[in-house]
Amino acid sequence: GLLYRLAAEDKRPDWFMLDLSLNLTFGLIFAVFGAALAWWR
């Protein structure tokens, strides 16, 4: 959200206009991996 608000609309690349849900899904996957690794350790 911060990156989206700071970038001017005409300067936003196409890949950035992806759905927020897709970006949250990737963030969730990475967070699950980090938490699972910590639990395993």
Full PDB file with SEQRES, HELIX, SHEET, SSBOND, CRYST1, ORIGX, SCALE, CONECT and MASTER records, all heavy atoms in Angstrom:
SEQRES   1 A   41  GLY LEU LEU TYR ARG LEU ALA ALA GLU ASP LYS ARG PRO          
SEQRES   2 A   41  ASP TRP PHE MET LEU ASP LEU SER LEU ASN LEU THR PHE          
SEQRES   3 A   41  GLY LEU ILE PHE ALA VAL PHE GLY ALA ALA LEU ALA TRP          
SEQRES   4 A   41  TRP ARG                                                      
HELIX    1 AA1 LEU A    2  LEU A    6  1                                   5    
HELIX    2 AA2 GLU A    9  LYS A   11  5                                   3    
HELIX    3 AA3 ASP A   14  MET A   17  5                                   4    
HELIX    4 AA4 LEU A   20  TRP A   40  1                                  21    
CRYST1    1.000    1.000    1.000  90.00  90.00  90.00 P 1           1          
ORIGX1      1.000000  0.000000  0.000000        0.00000                         
ORIGX2      0.000000  1.000000  0.000000        0.00000                         
ORIGX3      0.000000  0.000000  1.000000        0.00000                         
SCALE1      1.000000  0.000000  0.000000        0.00000                         
SCALE2      0.000000  1.000000  0.000000        0.00000                         
SCALE3      0.000000  0.000000  1.000000        0.00000                         
ATOM      1  N   GLY A   1       0.818  -1.212   0.000  1.00  0.00           N  
ATOM      2  CA  GLY A   1       0.000   0.000   0.000  1.00  0.00           C  
ATOM      3  C   GLY A   1       0.851   1.261   0.000  1.00  0.00           C  
ATOM      4  O   GLY A   1       0.537   2.231  -0.700  1.00  0.00           O  
ATOM      5  N   LEU A   2       1.909   1.244   0.760  1.00  0.00           N  
ATOM      6  CA  LEU A   2       2.806   2.399   0.803  1.00  0.00           C  
ATOM      7  C   LEU A   2       3.484   2.622  -0.548  1.00  0.00           C  
ATOM      8  O   LEU A   2       3.539   3.758  -1.042  1.00  0.00           O  
ATOM      9  CB  LEU A   2       3.854   2.196   1.900  1.00  0.00           C  
ATOM     10  CG  LEU A   2       4.831   3.334   2.133  1.00  0.00           C  
ATOM     11  CD1 LEU A   2       4.086   4.540   2.690  1.00  0.00           C  
ATOM     12  CD2 LEU A   2       5.915   2.909   3.080  1.00  0.00           C  
ATOM     13  N   LEU A   3       3.974   1.551  -1.149  1.00  0.00           N  
ATOM     14  CA  LEU A   3       4.585   1.679  -2.471  1.00  0.00           C  
ATOM     15  C   LEU A   3       3.574   2.150  -3.509  1.00  0.00           C  
ATOM     16  O   LEU A   3       3.892   2.953  -4.385  1.00  0.00           O  
ATOM     17  CB  LEU A   3       5.195   0.339  -2.911  1.00  0.00           C  
ATOM     18  CG  LEU A   3       6.442  -0.112  -2.175  1.00  0.00           C  
ATOM     19  CD1 LEU A   3       6.819  -1.522  -2.630  1.00  0.00           C  
ATOM     20  CD2 LEU A   3       7.578   0.845  -2.420  1.00  0.00           C  
ATOM     21  N   TYR A   4       2.356   1.656  -3.402  1.00  0.00           N  
ATOM     22  CA  TYR A   4       1.304   2.036  -4.341  1.00  0.00           C  
ATOM     23  C   TYR A   4       0.978   3.518  -4.224  1.00  0.00           C  
ATOM     24  O   TYR A   4       0.810   4.214  -5.217  1.00  0.00           O  
ATOM     25  CB  TYR A   4       0.057   1.186  -4.076  1.00  0.00           C  
ATOM     26  CG  TYR A   4      -1.037   1.381  -5.080  1.00  0.00           C  
ATOM     27  CD1 TYR A   4      -1.011   0.690  -6.287  1.00  0.00           C  
ATOM     28  CD2 TYR A   4      -2.101   2.246  -4.836  1.00  0.00           C  
ATOM     29  CE1 TYR A   4      -2.015   0.850  -7.214  1.00  0.00           C  
ATOM     30  CE2 TYR A   4      -3.100   2.415  -5.765  1.00  0.00           C  
ATOM     31  CZ  TYR A   4      -3.061   1.716  -6.948  1.00  0.00           C  
ATOM     32  OH  TYR A   4      -4.055   1.891  -7.879  1.00  0.00           O  
ATOM     33  N   ARG A   5       0.894   4.018  -2.993  1.00  0.00           N  
ATOM     34  CA  ARG A   5       0.566   5.431  -2.780  1.00  0.00           C  
ATOM     35  C   ARG A   5       1.720   6.359  -3.148  1.00  0.00           C  
ATOM     36  O   ARG A   5       1.489   7.483  -3.579  1.00  0.00           O  
ATOM     37  CB  ARG A   5       0.173   5.667  -1.325  1.00  0.00           C  
ATOM     38  CG  ARG A   5      -1.059   4.940  -0.891  1.00  0.00           C  
ATOM     39  CD  ARG A   5      -2.252   5.307  -1.678  1.00  0.00           C  
ATOM     40  NE  ARG A   5      -2.968   6.362  -0.979  1.00  0.00           N  
ATOM     41  CZ  ARG A   5      -3.920   7.071  -1.536  1.00  0.00           C  
ATOM     42  NH1 ARG A   5      -4.271   6.852  -2.755  1.00  0.00           N  
ATOM     43  NH2 ARG A   5      -4.530   7.996  -0.845  1.00  0.00           N  
ATOM     44  N   LEU A   6       2.940   5.913  -2.971  1.00  0.00           N  
ATOM     45  CA  LEU A   6       4.085   6.771  -3.255  1.00  0.00           C  
ATOM     46  C   LEU A   6       4.404   6.876  -4.749  1.00  0.00           C  
ATOM     47  O   LEU A   6       5.007   7.854  -5.176  1.00  0.00           O  
ATOM     48  CB  LEU A   6       5.319   6.273  -2.508  1.00  0.00           C  
ATOM     49  CG  LEU A   6       5.287   6.447  -0.992  1.00  0.00           C  
ATOM     50  CD1 LEU A   6       6.542   5.863  -0.366  1.00  0.00           C  
ATOM     51  CD2 LEU A   6       5.125   7.906  -0.599  1.00  0.00           C  
ATOM     52  N   ALA A   7       4.003   5.879  -5.516  1.00  0.00           N  
ATOM     53  CA  ALA A   7       4.287   5.896  -6.952  1.00  0.00           C  
ATOM     54  C   ALA A   7       3.164   6.625  -7.684  1.00  0.00           C  
ATOM     55  O   ALA A   7       1.981   6.370  -7.452  1.00  0.00           O  
ATOM     56  CB  ALA A   7       4.405   4.472  -7.480  1.00  0.00           C  
ATOM     57  N   ALA A   8       3.543   7.529  -8.565  1.00  0.00           N  
ATOM     58  CA  ALA A   8       2.552   8.229  -9.378  1.00  0.00           C  
ATOM     59  C   ALA A   8       1.868   7.224 -10.306  1.00  0.00           C  
ATOM     60  O   ALA A   8       2.476   6.229 -10.730  1.00  0.00           O  
ATOM     61  CB  ALA A   8       3.223   9.327 -10.183  1.00  0.00           C  
ATOM     62  N   GLU A   9       0.616   7.473 -10.623  1.00  0.00           N  
ATOM     63  CA  GLU A   9      -0.149   6.506 -11.406  1.00  0.00           C  
ATOM     64  C   GLU A   9       0.473   6.216 -12.767  1.00  0.00           C  
ATOM     65  O   GLU A   9       0.495   5.075 -13.220  1.00  0.00           O  
ATOM     66  CB  GLU A   9      -1.585   7.001 -11.596  1.00  0.00           C  
ATOM     67  CG  GLU A   9      -2.490   5.954 -12.179  1.00  0.00           C  
ATOM     68  CD  GLU A   9      -3.939   6.344 -12.089  1.00  0.00           C  
ATOM     69  OE1 GLU A   9      -4.290   7.243 -11.307  1.00  0.00           O  
ATOM     70  OE2 GLU A   9      -4.723   5.726 -12.823  1.00  0.00           O  
ATOM     71  N   ASP A  10       1.011   7.224 -13.415  1.00  0.00           N  
ATOM     72  CA  ASP A  10       1.625   7.002 -14.721  1.00  0.00           C  
ATOM     73  C   ASP A  10       2.999   6.346 -14.619  1.00  0.00           C  
ATOM     74  O   ASP A  10       3.526   5.827 -15.599  1.00  0.00           O  
ATOM     75  CB  ASP A  10       1.733   8.309 -15.492  1.00  0.00           C  
ATOM     76  CG  ASP A  10       2.539   9.362 -14.746  1.00  0.00           C  
ATOM     77  OD1 ASP A  10       2.621   9.282 -13.511  1.00  0.00           O  
ATOM     78  OD2 ASP A  10       3.099  10.259 -15.412  1.00  0.00           O  
ATOM     79  N   LYS A  11       3.580   6.320 -13.422  1.00  0.00           N  
ATOM     80  CA  LYS A  11       4.897   5.701 -13.214  1.00  0.00           C  
ATOM     81  C   LYS A  11       4.803   4.261 -12.710  1.00  0.00           C  
ATOM     82  O   LYS A  11       5.815   3.578 -12.586  1.00  0.00           O  
ATOM     83  CB  LYS A  11       5.716   6.513 -12.197  1.00  0.00           C  
ATOM     84  CG  LYS A  11       5.959   7.932 -12.608  1.00  0.00           C  
ATOM     85  CD  LYS A  11       7.015   8.004 -13.658  1.00  0.00           C  
ATOM     86  CE  LYS A  11       7.308   9.473 -13.917  1.00  0.00           C  
ATOM     87  NZ  LYS A  11       8.145   9.659 -15.054  1.00  0.00           N  
ATOM     88  N   ARG A  12       3.608   3.795 -12.373  1.00  0.00           N  
ATOM     89  CA  ARG A  12       3.458   2.429 -11.863  1.00  0.00           C  
ATOM     90  C   ARG A  12       3.615   1.426 -12.996  1.00  0.00           C  
ATOM     91  O   ARG A  12       2.904   1.487 -13.988  1.00  0.00           O  
ATOM     92  CB  ARG A  12       2.080   2.252 -11.232  1.00  0.00           C  
ATOM     93  CG  ARG A  12       1.905   3.010  -9.958  1.00  0.00           C  
ATOM     94  CD  ARG A  12       0.549   2.758  -9.350  1.00  0.00           C  
ATOM     95  NE  ARG A  12       0.308   3.720  -8.292  1.00  0.00           N  
ATOM     96  CZ  ARG A  12      -0.824   4.367  -8.111  1.00  0.00           C  
ATOM     97  NH1 ARG A  12      -1.859   4.141  -8.898  1.00  0.00           N  
ATOM     98  NH2 ARG A  12      -0.947   5.227  -7.129  1.00  0.00           N  
ATOM     99  N   PRO A  13       4.528   0.478 -12.850  1.00  0.00           N  
ATOM    100  CA  PRO A  13       4.694  -0.533 -13.896  1.00  0.00           C  
ATOM    101  C   PRO A  13       3.517  -1.514 -13.916  1.00  0.00           C  
ATOM    102  O   PRO A  13       2.747  -1.608 -12.957  1.00  0.00           O  
ATOM    103  CB  PRO A  13       5.995  -1.234 -13.518  1.00  0.00           C  
ATOM    104  CG  PRO A  13       6.271  -0.859 -12.121  1.00  0.00           C  
ATOM    105  CD  PRO A  13       5.497   0.368 -11.790  1.00  0.00           C  
ATOM    106  N   ASP A  14       3.397  -2.250 -14.999  1.00  0.00           N  
ATOM    107  CA  ASP A  14       2.283  -3.194 -15.148  1.00  0.00           C  
ATOM    108  C   ASP A  14       2.292  -4.272 -14.078  1.00  0.00           C  
ATOM    109  O   ASP A  14       1.254  -4.668 -13.575  1.00  0.00           O  
ATOM    110  CB  ASP A  14       2.324  -3.845 -16.531  1.00  0.00           C  
ATOM    111  CG  ASP A  14       2.030  -2.855 -17.635  1.00  0.00           C  
ATOM    112  OD1 ASP A  14       1.358  -1.848 -17.358  1.00  0.00           O  
ATOM    113  OD2 ASP A  14       2.480  -3.096 -18.767  1.00  0.00           O  
ATOM    114  N   TRP A  15       3.478  -4.767 -13.723  1.00  0.00           N  
ATOM    115  CA  TRP A  15       3.543  -5.842 -12.731  1.00  0.00           C  
ATOM    116  C   TRP A  15       3.062  -5.377 -11.369  1.00  0.00           C  
ATOM    117  O   TRP A  15       2.621  -6.169 -10.553  1.00  0.00           O  
ATOM    118  CB  TRP A  15       4.963  -6.406 -12.624  1.00  0.00           C  
ATOM    119  CG  TRP A  15       6.001  -5.392 -12.262  1.00  0.00           C  
ATOM    120  CD1 TRP A  15       6.824  -4.747 -13.119  1.00  0.00           C  
ATOM    121  CD2 TRP A  15       6.316  -4.899 -10.963  1.00  0.00           C  
ATOM    122  NE1 TRP A  15       7.632  -3.882 -12.444  1.00  0.00           N  
ATOM    123  CE2 TRP A  15       7.337  -3.951 -11.106  1.00  0.00           C  
ATOM    124  CE3 TRP A  15       5.834  -5.155  -9.682  1.00  0.00           C  
ATOM    125  CZ2 TRP A  15       7.883  -3.260 -10.044  1.00  0.00           C  
ATOM    126  CZ3 TRP A  15       6.388  -4.471  -8.623  1.00  0.00           C  
ATOM    127  CH2 TRP A  15       7.392  -3.540  -8.798  1.00  0.00           C  
ATOM    128  N   PHE A  16       3.130  -4.063 -11.122  1.00  0.00           N  
ATOM    129  CA  PHE A  16       2.716  -3.545  -9.819  1.00  0.00           C  
ATOM    130  C   PHE A  16       1.208  -3.436  -9.703  1.00  0.00           C  
ATOM    131  O   PHE A  16       0.667  -3.367  -8.615  1.00  0.00           O  
ATOM    132  CB  PHE A  16       3.361  -2.178  -9.580  1.00  0.00           C  
ATOM    133  CG  PHE A  16       3.315  -1.758  -8.146  1.00  0.00           C  
ATOM    134  CD1 PHE A  16       4.106  -2.377  -7.220  1.00  0.00           C  
ATOM    135  CD2 PHE A  16       2.465  -0.747  -7.730  1.00  0.00           C  
ATOM    136  CE1 PHE A  16       4.062  -2.008  -5.893  1.00  0.00           C  
ATOM    137  CE2 PHE A  16       2.419  -0.374  -6.405  1.00  0.00           C  
ATOM    138  CZ  PHE A  16       3.222  -1.000  -5.482  1.00  0.00           C  
ATOM    139  N   MET A  17       0.533  -3.418 -10.828  1.00  0.00           N  
ATOM    140  CA  MET A  17      -0.909  -3.284 -10.819  1.00  0.00           C  
ATOM    141  C   MET A  17      -1.604  -4.626 -10.560  1.00  0.00           C  
ATOM    142  O   MET A  17      -2.818  -4.728 -10.692  1.00  0.00           O  
ATOM    143  CB  MET A  17      -1.386  -2.687 -12.146  1.00  0.00           C  
ATOM    144  CG  MET A  17      -0.793  -1.312 -12.425  1.00  0.00           C  
ATOM    145  SD  MET A  17      -1.078  -0.127 -11.102  1.00  0.00           S  
ATOM    146  CE  MET A  17      -2.811   0.127 -11.283  1.00  0.00           C  
ATOM    147  N   LEU A  18      -0.841  -5.643 -10.236  1.00  0.00           N  
ATOM    148  CA  LEU A  18      -1.434  -6.931  -9.886  1.00  0.00           C  
ATOM    149  C   LEU A  18      -2.341  -6.767  -8.679  1.00  0.00           C  
ATOM    150  O   LEU A  18      -2.229  -5.832  -7.899  1.00  0.00           O  
ATOM    151  CB  LEU A  18      -0.343  -7.963  -9.571  1.00  0.00           C  
ATOM    152  CG  LEU A  18       0.534  -8.396 -10.724  1.00  0.00           C  
ATOM    153  CD1 LEU A  18       1.639  -9.295 -10.219  1.00  0.00           C  
ATOM    154  CD2 LEU A  18      -0.281  -9.084 -11.788  1.00  0.00           C  
ATOM    155  N   ASP A  19      -3.211  -7.682  -8.549  1.00  0.00           N  
ATOM    156  CA  ASP A  19      -4.155  -7.658  -7.447  1.00  0.00           C  
ATOM    157  C   ASP A  19      -3.448  -7.611  -6.099  1.00  0.00           C  
ATOM    158  O   ASP A  19      -2.419  -8.255  -5.920  1.00  0.00           O  
ATOM    159  CB  ASP A  19      -4.974  -8.939  -7.523  1.00  0.00           C  
ATOM    160  CG  ASP A  19      -6.451  -8.715  -7.386  1.00  0.00           C  
ATOM    161  OD1 ASP A  19      -6.900  -7.581  -7.551  1.00  0.00           O  
ATOM    162  OD2 ASP A  19      -7.133  -9.693  -7.110  1.00  0.00           O  
ATOM    163  N   LEU A  20      -4.001  -6.875  -5.172  1.00  0.00           N  
ATOM    164  CA  LEU A  20      -3.452  -6.862  -3.817  1.00  0.00           C  
ATOM    165  C   LEU A  20      -3.521  -8.260  -3.209  1.00  0.00           C  
ATOM    166  O   LEU A  20      -2.623  -8.668  -2.478  1.00  0.00           O  
ATOM    167  CB  LEU A  20      -4.205  -5.856  -2.943  1.00  0.00           C  
ATOM    168  CG  LEU A  20      -3.836  -5.823  -1.470  1.00  0.00           C  
ATOM    169  CD1 LEU A  20      -2.372  -5.488  -1.283  1.00  0.00           C  
ATOM    170  CD2 LEU A  20      -4.718  -4.851  -0.729  1.00  0.00           C  
ATOM    171  N   SER A  21      -4.561  -9.005  -3.541  1.00  0.00           N  
ATOM    172  CA  SER A  21      -4.699 -10.350  -2.969  1.00  0.00           C  
ATOM    173  C   SER A  21      -3.549 -11.260  -3.402  1.00  0.00           C  
ATOM    174  O   SER A  21      -3.102 -12.097  -2.622  1.00  0.00           O  
ATOM    175  CB  SER A  21      -6.036 -10.965  -3.369  1.00  0.00           C  
ATOM    176  OG  SER A  21      -6.110 -11.115  -4.763  1.00  0.00           O  
ATOM    177  N   LEU A  22      -3.048 -11.101  -4.627  1.00  0.00           N  
ATOM    178  CA  LEU A  22      -1.908 -11.899  -5.062  1.00  0.00           C  
ATOM    179  C   LEU A  22      -0.663 -11.556  -4.256  1.00  0.00           C  
ATOM    180  O   LEU A  22       0.066 -12.448  -3.810  1.00  0.00           O  
ATOM    181  CB  LEU A  22      -1.648 -11.679  -6.552  1.00  0.00           C  
ATOM    182  CG  LEU A  22      -0.457 -12.430  -7.136  1.00  0.00           C  
ATOM    183  CD1 LEU A  22      -0.680 -13.929  -7.061  1.00  0.00           C  
ATOM    184  CD2 LEU A  22      -0.217 -11.993  -8.558  1.00  0.00           C  
ATOM    185  N   ASN A  23      -0.437 -10.273  -4.027  1.00  0.00           N  
ATOM    186  CA  ASN A  23       0.719  -9.860  -3.231  1.00  0.00           C  
ATOM    187  C   ASN A  23       0.582 -10.310  -1.786  1.00  0.00           C  
ATOM    188  O   ASN A  23       1.564 -10.722  -1.164  1.00  0.00           O  
ATOM    189  CB  ASN A  23       0.894  -8.344  -3.315  1.00  0.00           C  
ATOM    190  CG  ASN A  23       1.407  -7.918  -4.659  1.00  0.00           C  
ATOM    191  OD1 ASN A  23       2.446  -8.382  -5.096  1.00  0.00           O  
ATOM    192  ND2 ASN A  23       0.681  -7.052  -5.327  1.00  0.00           N  
ATOM    193  N   LEU A  24      -0.622 -10.246  -1.236  1.00  0.00           N  
ATOM    194  CA  LEU A  24      -0.825 -10.732   0.134  1.00  0.00           C  
ATOM    195  C   LEU A  24      -0.629 -12.243   0.216  1.00  0.00           C  
ATOM    196  O   LEU A  24      -0.125 -12.748   1.219  1.00  0.00           O  
ATOM    197  CB  LEU A  24      -2.207 -10.348   0.638  1.00  0.00           C  
ATOM    198  CG  LEU A  24      -2.392  -8.895   1.005  1.00  0.00           C  
ATOM    199  CD1 LEU A  24      -3.831  -8.645   1.456  1.00  0.00           C  
ATOM    200  CD2 LEU A  24      -1.431  -8.467   2.083  1.00  0.00           C  
ATOM    201  N   THR A  25      -1.014 -12.947  -0.837  1.00  0.00           N  
ATOM    202  CA  THR A  25      -0.814 -14.398  -0.847  1.00  0.00           C  
ATOM    203  C   THR A  25       0.672 -14.741  -0.826  1.00  0.00           C  
ATOM    204  O   THR A  25       1.101 -15.624  -0.074  1.00  0.00           O  
ATOM    205  CB  THR A  25      -1.488 -15.023  -2.077  1.00  0.00           C  
ATOM    206  OG1 THR A  25      -2.880 -14.705  -2.044  1.00  0.00           O  
ATOM    207  CG2 THR A  25      -1.304 -16.524  -2.105  1.00  0.00           C  
ATOM    208  N   PHE A  26       1.460 -14.042  -1.643  1.00  0.00           N  
ATOM    209  CA  PHE A  26       2.905 -14.271  -1.608  1.00  0.00           C  
ATOM    210  C   PHE A  26       3.475 -13.914  -0.238  1.00  0.00           C  
ATOM    211  O   PHE A  26       4.323 -14.638   0.294  1.00  0.00           O  
ATOM    212  CB  PHE A  26       3.614 -13.459  -2.691  1.00  0.00           C  
ATOM    213  CG  PHE A  26       3.666 -14.139  -4.018  1.00  0.00           C  
ATOM    214  CD1 PHE A  26       3.072 -13.551  -5.124  1.00  0.00           C  
ATOM    215  CD2 PHE A  26       4.300 -15.351  -4.166  1.00  0.00           C  
ATOM    216  CE1 PHE A  26       3.122 -14.166  -6.358  1.00  0.00           C  
ATOM    217  CE2 PHE A  26       4.352 -15.981  -5.401  1.00  0.00           C  
ATOM    218  CZ  PHE A  26       3.757 -15.387  -6.508  1.00  0.00           C  
ATOM    219  N   GLY A  27       3.039 -12.815   0.345  1.00  0.00           N  
ATOM    220  CA  GLY A  27       3.496 -12.442   1.679  1.00  0.00           C  
ATOM    221  C   GLY A  27       3.124 -13.495   2.709  1.00  0.00           C  
ATOM    222  O   GLY A  27       3.905 -13.812   3.612  1.00  0.00           O  
ATOM    223  N   LEU A  28       1.930 -14.043   2.574  1.00  0.00           N  
ATOM    224  CA  LEU A  28       1.472 -15.085   3.491  1.00  0.00           C  
ATOM    225  C   LEU A  28       2.307 -16.353   3.341  1.00  0.00           C  
ATOM    226  O   LEU A  28       2.691 -16.977   4.335  1.00  0.00           O  
ATOM    227  CB  LEU A  28      -0.003 -15.374   3.228  1.00  0.00           C  
ATOM    228  CG  LEU A  28      -0.723 -16.279   4.195  1.00  0.00           C  
ATOM    229  CD1 LEU A  28      -0.772 -15.643   5.579  1.00  0.00           C  
ATOM    230  CD2 LEU A  28      -2.132 -16.551   3.701  1.00  0.00           C  
ATOM    231  N   ILE A  29       2.603 -16.724   2.115  1.00  0.00           N  
ATOM    232  CA  ILE A  29       3.427 -17.915   1.876  1.00  0.00           C  
ATOM    233  C   ILE A  29       4.814 -17.752   2.494  1.00  0.00           C  
ATOM    234  O   ILE A  29       5.317 -18.652   3.166  1.00  0.00           O  
ATOM    235  CB  ILE A  29       3.525 -18.213   0.366  1.00  0.00           C  
ATOM    236  CG1 ILE A  29       2.178 -18.701  -0.159  1.00  0.00           C  
ATOM    237  CG2 ILE A  29       4.622 -19.230   0.067  1.00  0.00           C  
ATOM    238  CD1 ILE A  29       2.084 -18.741  -1.669  1.00  0.00           C  
ATOM    239  N   PHE A  30       5.418 -16.590   2.292  1.00  0.00           N  
ATOM    240  CA  PHE A  30       6.743 -16.345   2.857  1.00  0.00           C  
ATOM    241  C   PHE A  30       6.680 -16.310   4.387  1.00  0.00           C  
ATOM    242  O   PHE A  30       7.578 -16.818   5.058  1.00  0.00           O  
ATOM    243  CB  PHE A  30       7.311 -15.029   2.312  1.00  0.00           C  
ATOM    244  CG  PHE A  30       8.025 -15.172   1.006  1.00  0.00           C  
ATOM    245  CD1 PHE A  30       7.338 -15.493  -0.154  1.00  0.00           C  
ATOM    246  CD2 PHE A  30       9.391 -14.984   0.932  1.00  0.00           C  
ATOM    247  CE1 PHE A  30       7.987 -15.620  -1.358  1.00  0.00           C  
ATOM    248  CE2 PHE A  30      10.063 -15.112  -0.272  1.00  0.00           C  
ATOM    249  CZ  PHE A  30       9.353 -15.434  -1.426  1.00  0.00           C  
ATOM    250  N   ALA A  31       5.629 -15.701   4.954  1.00  0.00           N  
ATOM    251  CA  ALA A  31       5.497 -15.644   6.413  1.00  0.00           C  
ATOM    252  C   ALA A  31       5.296 -17.037   7.002  1.00  0.00           C  
ATOM    253  O   ALA A  31       5.855 -17.351   8.061  1.00  0.00           O  
ATOM    254  CB  ALA A  31       4.337 -14.728   6.795  1.00  0.00           C  
ATOM    255  N   VAL A  32       4.503 -17.863   6.339  1.00  0.00           N  
ATOM    256  CA  VAL A  32       4.315 -19.245   6.804  1.00  0.00           C  
ATOM    257  C   VAL A  32       5.643 -19.992   6.786  1.00  0.00           C  
ATOM    258  O   VAL A  32       5.975 -20.721   7.724  1.00  0.00           O  
ATOM    259  CB  VAL A  32       3.250 -19.975   5.948  1.00  0.00           C  
ATOM    260  CG1 VAL A  32       3.299 -21.469   6.163  1.00  0.00           C  
ATOM    261  CG2 VAL A  32       1.877 -19.432   6.256  1.00  0.00           C  
ATOM    262  N   PHE A  33       6.418 -19.810   5.717  1.00  0.00           N  
ATOM    263  CA  PHE A  33       7.725 -20.461   5.639  1.00  0.00           C  
ATOM    264  C   PHE A  33       8.634 -19.998   6.771  1.00  0.00           C  
ATOM    265  O   PHE A  33       9.300 -20.812   7.412  1.00  0.00           O  
ATOM    266  CB  PHE A  33       8.378 -20.178   4.288  1.00  0.00           C  
ATOM    267  CG  PHE A  33       9.751 -20.747   4.175  1.00  0.00           C  
ATOM    268  CD1 PHE A  33       9.953 -22.111   4.031  1.00  0.00           C  
ATOM    269  CD2 PHE A  33      10.861 -19.927   4.247  1.00  0.00           C  
ATOM    270  CE1 PHE A  33      11.227 -22.641   3.941  1.00  0.00           C  
ATOM    271  CE2 PHE A  33      12.144 -20.443   4.170  1.00  0.00           C  
ATOM    272  CZ  PHE A  33      12.328 -21.807   4.014  1.00  0.00           C  
ATOM    273  N   GLY A  34       8.668 -18.689   7.045  1.00  0.00           N  
ATOM    274  CA  GLY A  34       9.504 -18.170   8.124  1.00  0.00           C  
ATOM    275  C   GLY A  34       9.092 -18.708   9.487  1.00  0.00           C  
ATOM    276  O   GLY A  34       9.920 -19.105  10.301  1.00  0.00           O  
ATOM    277  N   ALA A  35       7.776 -18.729   9.744  1.00  0.00           N  
ATOM    278  CA  ALA A  35       7.282 -19.234  11.029  1.00  0.00           C  
ATOM    279  C   ALA A  35       7.527 -20.733  11.162  1.00  0.00           C  
ATOM    280  O   ALA A  35       7.894 -21.219  12.242  1.00  0.00           O  
ATOM    281  CB  ALA A  35       5.795 -18.924  11.173  1.00  0.00           C  
ATOM    282  N   ALA A  36       7.340 -21.480  10.076  1.00  0.00           N  
ATOM    283  CA  ALA A  36       7.577 -22.931  10.128  1.00  0.00           C  
ATOM    284  C   ALA A  36       9.053 -23.238  10.363  1.00  0.00           C  
ATOM    285  O   ALA A  36       9.390 -24.155  11.122  1.00  0.00           O  
ATOM    286  CB  ALA A  36       7.096 -23.582   8.832  1.00  0.00           C  
ATOM    287  N   LEU A  37       9.928 -22.477   9.740  1.00  0.00           N  
ATOM    288  CA  LEU A  37      11.361 -22.674   9.959  1.00  0.00           C  
ATOM    289  C   LEU A  37      11.744 -22.382  11.411  1.00  0.00           C  
ATOM    290  O   LEU A  37      12.517 -23.124  12.020  1.00  0.00           O  
ATOM    291  CB  LEU A  37      12.160 -21.786   9.007  1.00  0.00           C  
ATOM    292  CG  LEU A  37      13.675 -21.921   9.064  1.00  0.00           C  
ATOM    293  CD1 LEU A  37      14.094 -23.320   8.656  1.00  0.00           C  
ATOM    294  CD2 LEU A  37      14.316 -20.887   8.154  1.00  0.00           C  
ATOM    295  N   ALA A  38      11.168 -21.333  11.978  1.00  0.00           N  
ATOM    296  CA  ALA A  38      11.452 -21.014  13.379  1.00  0.00           C  
ATOM    297  C   ALA A  38      10.923 -22.099  14.307  1.00  0.00           C  
ATOM    298  O   ALA A  38      11.594 -22.484  15.272  1.00  0.00           O  
ATOM    299  CB  ALA A  38      10.825 -19.664  13.732  1.00  0.00           C  
ATOM    300  N   TRP A  39       9.727 -22.601  14.025  1.00  0.00           N  
ATOM    301  CA  TRP A  39       9.160 -23.667  14.849  1.00  0.00           C  
ATOM    302  C   TRP A  39      10.029 -24.910  14.774  1.00  0.00           C  
ATOM    303  O   TRP A  39      10.291 -25.564  15.785  1.00  0.00           O  
ATOM    304  CB  TRP A  39       7.736 -23.983  14.376  1.00  0.00           C  
ATOM    305  CG  TRP A  39       7.112 -25.113  15.115  1.00  0.00           C  
ATOM    306  CD1 TRP A  39       6.529 -25.077  16.338  1.00  0.00           C  
ATOM    307  CD2 TRP A  39       7.042 -26.469  14.670  1.00  0.00           C  
ATOM    308  NE1 TRP A  39       6.091 -26.334  16.682  1.00  0.00           N  
ATOM    309  CE2 TRP A  39       6.392 -27.207  15.672  1.00  0.00           C  
ATOM    310  CE3 TRP A  39       7.464 -27.128  13.520  1.00  0.00           C  
ATOM    311  CZ2 TRP A  39       6.149 -28.558  15.558  1.00  0.00           C  
ATOM    312  CZ3 TRP A  39       7.228 -28.482  13.410  1.00  0.00           C  
ATOM    313  CH2 TRP A  39       6.569 -29.184  14.422  1.00  0.00           C  
ATOM    314  N   TRP A  40      10.501 -25.255  13.562  1.00  0.00           N  
ATOM    315  CA  TRP A  40      11.358 -26.419  13.405  1.00  0.00           C  
ATOM    316  C   TRP A  40      12.659 -26.247  14.183  1.00  0.00           C  
ATOM    317  O   TRP A  40      13.132 -27.171  14.832  1.00  0.00           O  
ATOM    318  CB  TRP A  40      11.649 -26.634  11.917  1.00  0.00           C  
ATOM    319  CG  TRP A  40      12.530 -27.820  11.680  1.00  0.00           C  
ATOM    320  CD1 TRP A  40      12.152 -29.123  11.596  1.00  0.00           C  
ATOM    321  CD2 TRP A  40      13.950 -27.795  11.528  1.00  0.00           C  
ATOM    322  NE1 TRP A  40      13.252 -29.913  11.382  1.00  0.00           N  
ATOM    323  CE2 TRP A  40      14.375 -29.124  11.344  1.00  0.00           C  
ATOM    324  CE3 TRP A  40      14.902 -26.785  11.519  1.00  0.00           C  
ATOM    325  CZ2 TRP A  40      15.705 -29.463  11.159  1.00  0.00           C  
ATOM    326  CZ3 TRP A  40      16.230 -27.125  11.339  1.00  0.00           C  
ATOM    327  CH2 TRP A  40      16.610 -28.456  11.154  1.00  0.00           C  
ATOM    328  N   ARG A  41      13.249 -25.053  14.095  1.00  0.00           N  
ATOM    329  CA  ARG A  41      14.504 -24.813  14.836  1.00  0.00           C  
ATOM    330  C   ARG A  41      14.285 -24.920  16.338  1.00  0.00           C  
ATOM    331  O   ARG A  41      15.140 -25.423  17.058  1.00  0.00           O  
ATOM    332  CB  ARG A  41      15.079 -23.451  14.477  1.00  0.00           C  
ATOM    333  CG  ARG A  41      15.770 -23.448  13.133  1.00  0.00           C  
ATOM    334  CD  ARG A  41      16.536 -22.185  12.939  1.00  0.00           C  
ATOM    335  NE  ARG A  41      17.463 -21.998  14.035  1.00  0.00           N  
ATOM    336  CZ  ARG A  41      18.768 -21.823  13.892  1.00  0.00           C  
ATOM    337  NH1 ARG A  41      19.290 -21.805  12.704  1.00  0.00           N  
ATOM    338  NH2 ARG A  41      19.549 -21.636  14.938  1.00  0.00           N  
TER     339      ARG A  41                                                      
MASTER        0    0    0    4    0    0    0    6  338    1    0    4          
END                                                                             
